Amino acid sequence: TELSNAQRRVFEAETKLSKYIATEGSIVREKDDLEERLKEKQREIDALLGRQNDTFNLEVEMEKRLERLRQDHANEMLEVREKADEERASLSMQIELAQDELEKQNGISDELKAELILAKSSDSNVKDKEAFAKSLE
């Protein structure tokens, strides 16, 4: 009986050991499986973070481009205003010169009219004098 008790205990120990080994193998396989899934999820997270970083960099680049475009537009508008101001000044100067020339020509015209009146008056006086001199003869 002692031998059969010892054999039974050995058998129970061997059974427990094989259950333990089977459980340990299952746990190791499950652990390996979980580690592989963790690595896969980490790769997915890294890919998402990479895309998020790319998106952020793209947004930053787009904001920089937009700011450059705004600055370029502001510079162009300033140039347009300056050119318009220069053109207005040039046109104002041309108008003033044209008005001065017109006034000068009107003044010359007035002088010519006065000279014409004087000449007619002189001519009339000369004719009167000639007529008077003829009448005296």
N, C-alpha and C. Protein backbone atom coordinates (compact mmCIF):
# COMPACT_ATOMS: atom_id res chain seq x y z
N THR A 1 0.80 -1.20 0.00
CA THR A 1 0.00 0.00 0.00
C THR A 1 0.84 1.27 0.00
N GLU A 2 1.97 1.21 0.72
CA GLU A 2 2.81 2.40 0.69
C GLU A 2 3.32 2.65 -0.72
N LEU A 3 3.64 1.57 -1.38
CA LEU A 3 4.13 1.71 -2.75
C LEU A 3 3.03 2.26 -3.63
N SER A 4 1.83 1.77 -3.45
CA SER A 4 0.76 2.29 -4.29
C SER A 4 0.44 3.72 -3.91
N ASN A 5 0.57 4.11 -2.66
CA ASN A 5 0.38 5.51 -2.26
C ASN A 5 1.47 6.38 -2.90
N ALA A 6 2.69 5.89 -2.87
CA ALA A 6 3.79 6.65 -3.46
C ALA A 6 3.59 6.77 -4.96
N GLN A 7 3.18 5.68 -5.61
CA GLN A 7 2.94 5.71 -7.06
C GLN A 7 1.80 6.69 -7.38
N ARG A 8 0.77 6.64 -6.55
CA ARG A 8 -0.34 7.57 -6.77
C ARG A 8 0.14 9.01 -6.61
N ARG A 9 0.95 9.29 -5.60
CA ARG A 9 1.46 10.66 -5.39
C ARG A 9 2.35 11.07 -6.56
N VAL A 10 3.17 10.17 -7.07
CA VAL A 10 4.03 10.46 -8.23
C VAL A 10 3.14 10.75 -9.43
N PHE A 11 2.14 9.93 -9.59
CA PHE A 11 1.21 10.13 -10.72
C PHE A 11 0.52 11.49 -10.59
N GLU A 12 0.03 11.81 -9.38
CA GLU A 12 -0.63 13.11 -9.18
C GLU A 12 0.35 14.25 -9.43
N ALA A 13 1.60 14.09 -8.96
CA ALA A 13 2.61 15.13 -9.16
C ALA A 13 2.91 15.29 -10.64
N GLU A 14 3.04 14.15 -11.36
CA GLU A 14 3.29 14.21 -12.80
C GLU A 14 2.12 14.86 -13.53
N THR A 15 0.91 14.57 -13.10
CA THR A 15 -0.28 15.18 -13.71
C THR A 15 -0.29 16.68 -13.48
N LYS A 16 0.02 17.04 -12.20
CA LYS A 16 0.06 18.49 -11.90
C LYS A 16 1.16 19.16 -12.72
N LEU A 17 2.31 18.50 -12.82
CA LEU A 17 3.44 19.07 -13.57
C LEU A 17 3.08 19.21 -15.04
N SER A 18 2.43 18.23 -15.63
CA SER A 18 2.08 18.35 -17.04
C SER A 18 1.00 19.40 -17.24
N LYS A 19 0.07 19.54 -16.28
CA LYS A 19 -0.92 20.63 -16.38
C LYS A 19 -0.22 21.98 -16.28
N TYR A 20 0.75 22.04 -15.33
CA TYR A 20 1.50 23.29 -15.15
C TYR A 20 2.27 23.62 -16.43
N ILE A 21 2.94 22.65 -17.02
CA ILE A 21 3.71 22.86 -18.24
C ILE A 21 2.79 23.27 -19.38
N ALA A 22 1.63 22.64 -19.47
CA ALA A 22 0.67 22.99 -20.52
C ALA A 22 0.16 24.42 -20.30
N THR A 23 -0.14 24.75 -19.04
CA THR A 23 -0.61 26.10 -18.73
C THR A 23 0.48 27.12 -19.00
N GLU A 24 1.72 26.77 -18.59
CA GLU A 24 2.84 27.69 -18.83
C GLU A 24 3.04 27.90 -20.32
N GLY A 25 2.98 26.84 -21.12
CA GLY A 25 3.12 26.95 -22.57
C GLY A 25 2.01 27.81 -23.15
N SER A 26 0.80 27.63 -22.65
CA SER A 26 -0.34 28.44 -23.12
C SER A 26 -0.13 29.90 -22.76
N ILE A 27 0.35 30.12 -21.53
CA ILE A 27 0.60 31.50 -21.08
C ILE A 27 1.71 32.13 -21.92
N VAL A 28 2.76 31.39 -22.21
CA VAL A 28 3.87 31.90 -23.02
C VAL A 28 3.37 32.22 -24.43
N ARG A 29 2.57 31.32 -25.00
CA ARG A 29 2.03 31.59 -26.35
C ARG A 29 1.14 32.84 -26.33
N GLU A 30 0.29 32.93 -25.29
CA GLU A 30 -0.59 34.10 -25.17
C GLU A 30 0.23 35.38 -24.98
N LYS A 31 1.30 35.28 -24.16
CA LYS A 31 2.18 36.44 -23.95
C LYS A 31 2.84 36.84 -25.28
N ASP A 32 3.34 35.88 -26.03
CA ASP A 32 3.98 36.16 -27.32
C ASP A 32 2.97 36.79 -28.28
N ASP A 33 1.75 36.25 -28.25
CA ASP A 33 0.68 36.77 -29.09
C ASP A 33 0.35 38.22 -28.71
N LEU A 34 0.24 38.46 -27.41
CA LEU A 34 -0.05 39.83 -26.94
C LEU A 34 1.09 40.79 -27.28
N GLU A 35 2.33 40.34 -27.15
CA GLU A 35 3.47 41.19 -27.51
C GLU A 35 3.46 41.53 -28.99
N GLU A 36 3.12 40.55 -29.82
CA GLU A 36 3.04 40.79 -31.27
C GLU A 36 1.93 41.79 -31.58
N ARG A 37 0.77 41.62 -30.94
CA ARG A 37 -0.34 42.57 -31.15
C ARG A 37 0.05 43.96 -30.65
N LEU A 38 0.78 44.01 -29.53
CA LEU A 38 1.25 45.30 -29.01
C LEU A 38 2.19 45.98 -30.01
N LYS A 39 3.11 45.20 -30.58
CA LYS A 39 4.03 45.74 -31.59
C LYS A 39 3.25 46.26 -32.80
N GLU A 40 2.25 45.49 -33.23
CA GLU A 40 1.42 45.91 -34.37
C GLU A 40 0.69 47.21 -34.06
N LYS A 41 0.10 47.29 -32.85
CA LYS A 41 -0.60 48.52 -32.44
C LYS A 41 0.38 49.68 -32.35
N GLN A 42 1.58 49.43 -31.87
CA GLN A 42 2.58 50.49 -31.78
C GLN A 42 2.96 50.99 -33.17
N ARG A 43 3.08 50.06 -34.13
CA ARG A 43 3.37 50.47 -35.52
C ARG A 43 2.22 51.32 -36.07
N GLU A 44 0.97 50.93 -35.77
CA GLU A 44 -0.19 51.72 -36.21
C GLU A 44 -0.17 53.10 -35.58
N ILE A 45 0.15 53.16 -34.27
CA ILE A 45 0.22 54.45 -33.57
C ILE A 45 1.32 55.31 -34.18
N ASP A 46 2.49 54.69 -34.43
CA ASP A 46 3.60 55.43 -35.04
C ASP A 46 3.21 55.97 -36.41
N ALA A 47 2.48 55.14 -37.18
CA ALA A 47 2.04 55.59 -38.51
C ALA A 47 1.07 56.76 -38.37
N LEU A 48 0.13 56.62 -37.42
CA LEU A 48 -0.83 57.72 -37.20
C LEU A 48 -0.12 58.98 -36.73
N LEU A 49 0.83 58.82 -35.81
CA LEU A 49 1.59 59.98 -35.34
C LEU A 49 2.40 60.60 -36.48
N GLY A 50 2.93 59.75 -37.34
CA GLY A 50 3.67 60.26 -38.50
C GLY A 50 2.76 61.05 -39.42
N ARG A 51 1.57 60.52 -39.66
CA ARG A 51 0.61 61.25 -40.50
C ARG A 51 0.16 62.53 -39.83
N GLN A 52 -0.05 62.45 -38.50
CA GLN A 52 -0.45 63.65 -37.76
C GLN A 52 0.66 64.69 -37.84
N ASN A 53 1.90 64.24 -37.70
CA ASN A 53 3.04 65.16 -37.79
C ASN A 53 3.14 65.74 -39.20
N ASP A 54 2.93 64.89 -40.22
CA ASP A 54 2.94 65.38 -41.61
C ASP A 54 1.85 66.42 -41.81
N THR A 55 0.67 66.13 -41.26
CA THR A 55 -0.45 67.07 -41.38
C THR A 55 -0.12 68.38 -40.68
N PHE A 56 0.45 68.29 -39.49
CA PHE A 56 0.83 69.50 -38.75
C PHE A 56 1.85 70.30 -39.55
N ASN A 57 2.88 69.60 -40.06
CA ASN A 57 3.91 70.29 -40.86
C ASN A 57 3.30 70.93 -42.10
N LEU A 58 2.36 70.23 -42.72
CA LEU A 58 1.69 70.78 -43.89
C LEU A 58 0.88 72.02 -43.51
N GLU A 59 0.18 71.95 -42.37
CA GLU A 59 -0.59 73.12 -41.91
C GLU A 59 0.34 74.30 -41.63
N VAL A 60 1.47 74.03 -40.99
CA VAL A 60 2.43 75.11 -40.71
C VAL A 60 2.94 75.70 -42.02
N GLU A 61 3.26 74.84 -42.98
CA GLU A 61 3.76 75.32 -44.27
C GLU A 61 2.69 76.15 -44.99
N MET A 62 1.44 75.67 -44.94
CA MET A 62 0.35 76.40 -45.58
C MET A 62 0.14 77.77 -44.92
N GLU A 63 0.24 77.81 -43.58
CA GLU A 63 0.11 79.09 -42.88
C GLU A 63 1.24 80.04 -43.29
N LYS A 64 2.45 79.51 -43.42
CA LYS A 64 3.58 80.34 -43.85
C LYS A 64 3.33 80.87 -45.26
N ARG A 65 2.87 79.99 -46.15
CA ARG A 65 2.58 80.42 -47.54
C ARG A 65 1.49 81.49 -47.56
N LEU A 66 0.45 81.26 -46.75
CA LEU A 66 -0.64 82.22 -46.68
C LEU A 66 -0.13 83.57 -46.19
N GLU A 67 0.72 83.57 -45.19
CA GLU A 67 1.27 84.82 -44.66
C GLU A 67 2.14 85.50 -45.71
N ARG A 68 2.93 84.69 -46.46
CA ARG A 68 3.75 85.28 -47.54
C ARG A 68 2.85 85.90 -48.61
N LEU A 69 1.76 85.19 -48.95
CA LEU A 69 0.83 85.73 -49.95
C LEU A 69 0.20 87.03 -49.45
N ARG A 70 -0.19 87.05 -48.18
CA ARG A 70 -0.77 88.28 -47.61
C ARG A 70 0.24 89.41 -47.68
N GLN A 71 1.49 89.12 -47.32
CA GLN A 71 2.53 90.14 -47.33
C GLN A 71 2.79 90.61 -48.76
N ASP A 72 2.86 89.66 -49.69
CA ASP A 72 3.06 90.02 -51.10
C ASP A 72 1.91 90.90 -51.59
N HIS A 73 0.69 90.53 -51.22
CA HIS A 73 -0.48 91.32 -51.62
C HIS A 73 -0.40 92.72 -51.02
N ALA A 74 -0.04 92.81 -49.75
CA ALA A 74 0.08 94.12 -49.11
C ALA A 74 1.16 94.96 -49.80
N ASN A 75 2.28 94.32 -50.15
CA ASN A 75 3.35 95.04 -50.85
C ASN A 75 2.89 95.50 -52.23
N GLU A 76 2.18 94.63 -52.93
CA GLU A 76 1.68 95.00 -54.25
C GLU A 76 0.68 96.15 -54.15
N MET A 77 -0.20 96.10 -53.15
CA MET A 77 -1.17 97.19 -52.97
C MET A 77 -0.45 98.49 -52.66
N LEU A 78 0.61 98.43 -51.85
CA LEU A 78 1.38 99.62 -51.53
C LEU A 78 2.03 100.18 -52.79
N GLU A 79 2.59 99.29 -53.61
CA GLU A 79 3.19 99.73 -54.87
C GLU A 79 2.14 100.37 -55.79
N VAL A 80 0.97 99.75 -55.87
CA VAL A 80 -0.11 100.29 -56.70
C VAL A 80 -0.51 101.67 -56.21
N ARG A 81 -0.64 101.82 -54.88
CA ARG A 81 -1.00 103.13 -54.32
C ARG A 81 0.07 104.16 -54.62
N GLU A 82 1.34 103.76 -54.46
CA GLU A 82 2.44 104.69 -54.74
C GLU A 82 2.43 105.10 -56.21
N LYS A 83 2.24 104.13 -57.10
CA LYS A 83 2.20 104.44 -58.53
C LYS A 83 1.01 105.34 -58.85
N ALA A 84 -0.13 105.06 -58.23
CA ALA A 84 -1.31 105.89 -58.46
C ALA A 84 -1.06 107.31 -57.95
N ASP A 85 -0.43 107.43 -56.79
CA ASP A 85 -0.10 108.76 -56.26
C ASP A 85 0.86 109.49 -57.19
N GLU A 86 1.86 108.77 -57.69
CA GLU A 86 2.81 109.38 -58.62
C GLU A 86 2.09 109.81 -59.90
N GLU A 87 1.21 108.95 -60.41
CA GLU A 87 0.47 109.27 -61.63
C GLU A 87 -0.42 110.48 -61.41
N ARG A 88 -1.11 110.51 -60.23
CA ARG A 88 -1.96 111.67 -59.92
C ARG A 88 -1.12 112.95 -59.87
N ALA A 89 0.04 112.87 -59.22
CA ALA A 89 0.91 114.04 -59.12
C ALA A 89 1.37 114.48 -60.51
N SER A 90 1.73 113.50 -61.34
CA SER A 90 2.17 113.81 -62.70
C SER A 90 1.04 114.46 -63.50
N LEU A 91 -0.16 113.88 -63.39
CA LEU A 91 -1.30 114.45 -64.11
C LEU A 91 -1.64 115.84 -63.59
N SER A 92 -1.57 116.03 -62.28
CA SER A 92 -1.85 117.36 -61.71
C SER A 92 -0.85 118.38 -62.26
N MET A 93 0.42 117.97 -62.33
CA MET A 93 1.46 118.86 -62.85
C MET A 93 1.18 119.17 -64.32
N GLN A 94 0.79 118.15 -65.10
CA GLN A 94 0.48 118.37 -66.51
C GLN A 94 -0.72 119.30 -66.66
N ILE A 95 -1.71 119.14 -65.80
CA ILE A 95 -2.89 120.01 -65.85
C ILE A 95 -2.49 121.44 -65.52
N GLU A 96 -1.67 121.61 -64.49
CA GLU A 96 -1.23 122.96 -64.13
C GLU A 96 -0.45 123.61 -65.27
N LEU A 97 0.45 122.82 -65.88
CA LEU A 97 1.23 123.35 -67.01
C LEU A 97 0.31 123.72 -68.17
N ALA A 98 -0.68 122.86 -68.44
CA ALA A 98 -1.61 123.14 -69.53
C ALA A 98 -2.43 124.39 -69.21
N GLN A 99 -2.85 124.55 -67.94
CA GLN A 99 -3.61 125.74 -67.56
C GLN A 99 -2.74 126.99 -67.68
N ASP A 100 -1.48 126.87 -67.24
CA ASP A 100 -0.56 128.02 -67.39
C ASP A 100 -0.38 128.38 -68.86
N GLU A 101 -0.21 127.35 -69.68
CA GLU A 101 -0.04 127.61 -71.12
C GLU A 101 -1.29 128.24 -71.71
N LEU A 102 -2.46 127.76 -71.30
CA LEU A 102 -3.71 128.32 -71.78
C LEU A 102 -3.86 129.78 -71.34
N GLU A 103 -3.53 130.02 -70.07
CA GLU A 103 -3.60 131.40 -69.59
C GLU A 103 -2.62 132.29 -70.34
N LYS A 104 -1.43 131.75 -70.61
CA LYS A 104 -0.43 132.51 -71.35
C LYS A 104 -0.95 132.82 -72.76
N GLN A 105 -1.54 131.78 -73.40
CA GLN A 105 -2.08 131.98 -74.74
C GLN A 105 -3.24 132.97 -74.71
N ASN A 106 -4.08 132.89 -73.67
CA ASN A 106 -5.18 133.85 -73.55
C ASN A 106 -4.63 135.26 -73.36
N GLY A 107 -3.53 135.37 -72.57
CA GLY A 107 -2.89 136.68 -72.38
C GLY A 107 -2.34 137.22 -73.69
N ILE A 108 -1.70 136.33 -74.46
CA ILE A 108 -1.17 136.74 -75.77
C ILE A 108 -2.32 137.13 -76.68
N SER A 109 -3.38 136.35 -76.60
CA SER A 109 -4.55 136.64 -77.42
C SER A 109 -5.12 138.01 -77.05
N ASP A 110 -5.19 138.29 -75.73
CA ASP A 110 -5.68 139.60 -75.30
C ASP A 110 -4.76 140.71 -75.77
N GLU A 111 -3.43 140.46 -75.71
CA GLU A 111 -2.48 141.47 -76.20
C GLU A 111 -2.66 141.70 -77.69
N LEU A 112 -2.85 140.59 -78.44
CA LEU A 112 -3.05 140.72 -79.87
C LEU A 112 -4.34 141.48 -80.19
N LYS A 113 -5.38 141.23 -79.41
CA LYS A 113 -6.63 141.97 -79.60
C LYS A 113 -6.41 143.45 -79.34
N ALA A 114 -5.67 143.73 -78.27
CA ALA A 114 -5.39 145.14 -77.96
C ALA A 114 -4.59 145.78 -79.07
N GLU A 115 -3.58 145.07 -79.57
CA GLU A 115 -2.78 145.60 -80.67
C GLU A 115 -3.63 145.80 -81.91
N LEU A 116 -4.51 144.85 -82.17
CA LEU A 116 -5.39 144.97 -83.33
C LEU A 116 -6.29 146.19 -83.19
N ILE A 117 -6.83 146.38 -81.97
CA ILE A 117 -7.67 147.55 -81.73
C ILE A 117 -6.86 148.82 -81.95
N LEU A 118 -5.62 148.83 -81.42
CA LEU A 118 -4.76 149.99 -81.60
C LEU A 118 -4.44 150.22 -83.07
N ALA A 119 -4.16 149.11 -83.75
CA ALA A 119 -3.82 149.23 -85.17
C ALA A 119 -5.02 149.77 -85.94
N LYS A 120 -6.21 149.26 -85.65
CA LYS A 120 -7.40 149.76 -86.32
C LYS A 120 -7.59 151.23 -86.00
N SER A 121 -7.38 151.52 -84.73
CA SER A 121 -7.53 152.90 -84.29
C SER A 121 -6.51 153.78 -85.01
N SER A 122 -5.26 153.28 -85.09
CA SER A 122 -4.23 154.05 -85.79
C SER A 122 -4.58 154.19 -87.26
N ASP A 123 -5.02 153.09 -87.85
CA ASP A 123 -5.39 153.11 -89.25
C ASP A 123 -6.53 154.09 -89.47
N SER A 124 -7.45 154.06 -88.55
CA SER A 124 -8.57 154.98 -88.64
C SER A 124 -8.09 156.41 -88.48
N ASN A 125 -7.17 156.63 -87.56
CA ASN A 125 -6.62 157.98 -87.36
C ASN A 125 -5.85 158.45 -88.59
N VAL A 126 -5.09 157.50 -89.16
CA VAL A 126 -4.33 157.86 -90.36
C VAL A 126 -5.30 158.22 -91.49
N LYS A 127 -6.35 157.44 -91.65
CA LYS A 127 -7.32 157.72 -92.70
C LYS A 127 -8.01 159.07 -92.44
N ASP A 128 -8.33 159.28 -91.15
CA ASP A 128 -8.96 160.58 -90.80
C ASP A 128 -8.01 161.72 -91.14
N LYS A 129 -6.75 161.55 -90.80
CA LYS A 129 -5.77 162.60 -91.08
C LYS A 129 -5.61 162.80 -92.58
N GLU A 130 -5.61 161.71 -93.30
CA GLU A 130 -5.48 161.81 -94.75
C GLU A 130 -6.71 162.51 -95.33
N ALA A 131 -7.85 162.13 -94.80
CA ALA A 131 -9.08 162.76 -95.28
C ALA A 131 -9.08 164.23 -94.92
N PHE A 132 -8.61 164.52 -93.72
CA PHE A 132 -8.54 165.91 -93.29
C PHE A 132 -7.55 166.68 -94.17
N ALA A 133 -6.41 166.02 -94.46
CA ALA A 133 -5.40 166.70 -95.28
C ALA A 133 -5.94 166.89 -96.69
N LYS A 134 -6.69 166.00 -97.22
CA LYS A 134 -7.25 166.13 -98.56
C LYS A 134 -8.28 167.24 -98.54
N SER A 135 -9.04 167.27 -97.46
CA SER A 135 -10.06 168.31 -97.39
C SER A 135 -9.42 169.68 -97.31
N LEU A 136 -8.24 169.75 -96.73
CA LEU A 136 -7.55 171.04 -96.64
C LEU A 136 -6.98 171.41 -98.00
N GLU A 137 -6.68 170.50 -98.79
CA GLU A 137 -6.09 170.83 -100.06
C GLU A 137 -7.20 171.33 -100.92
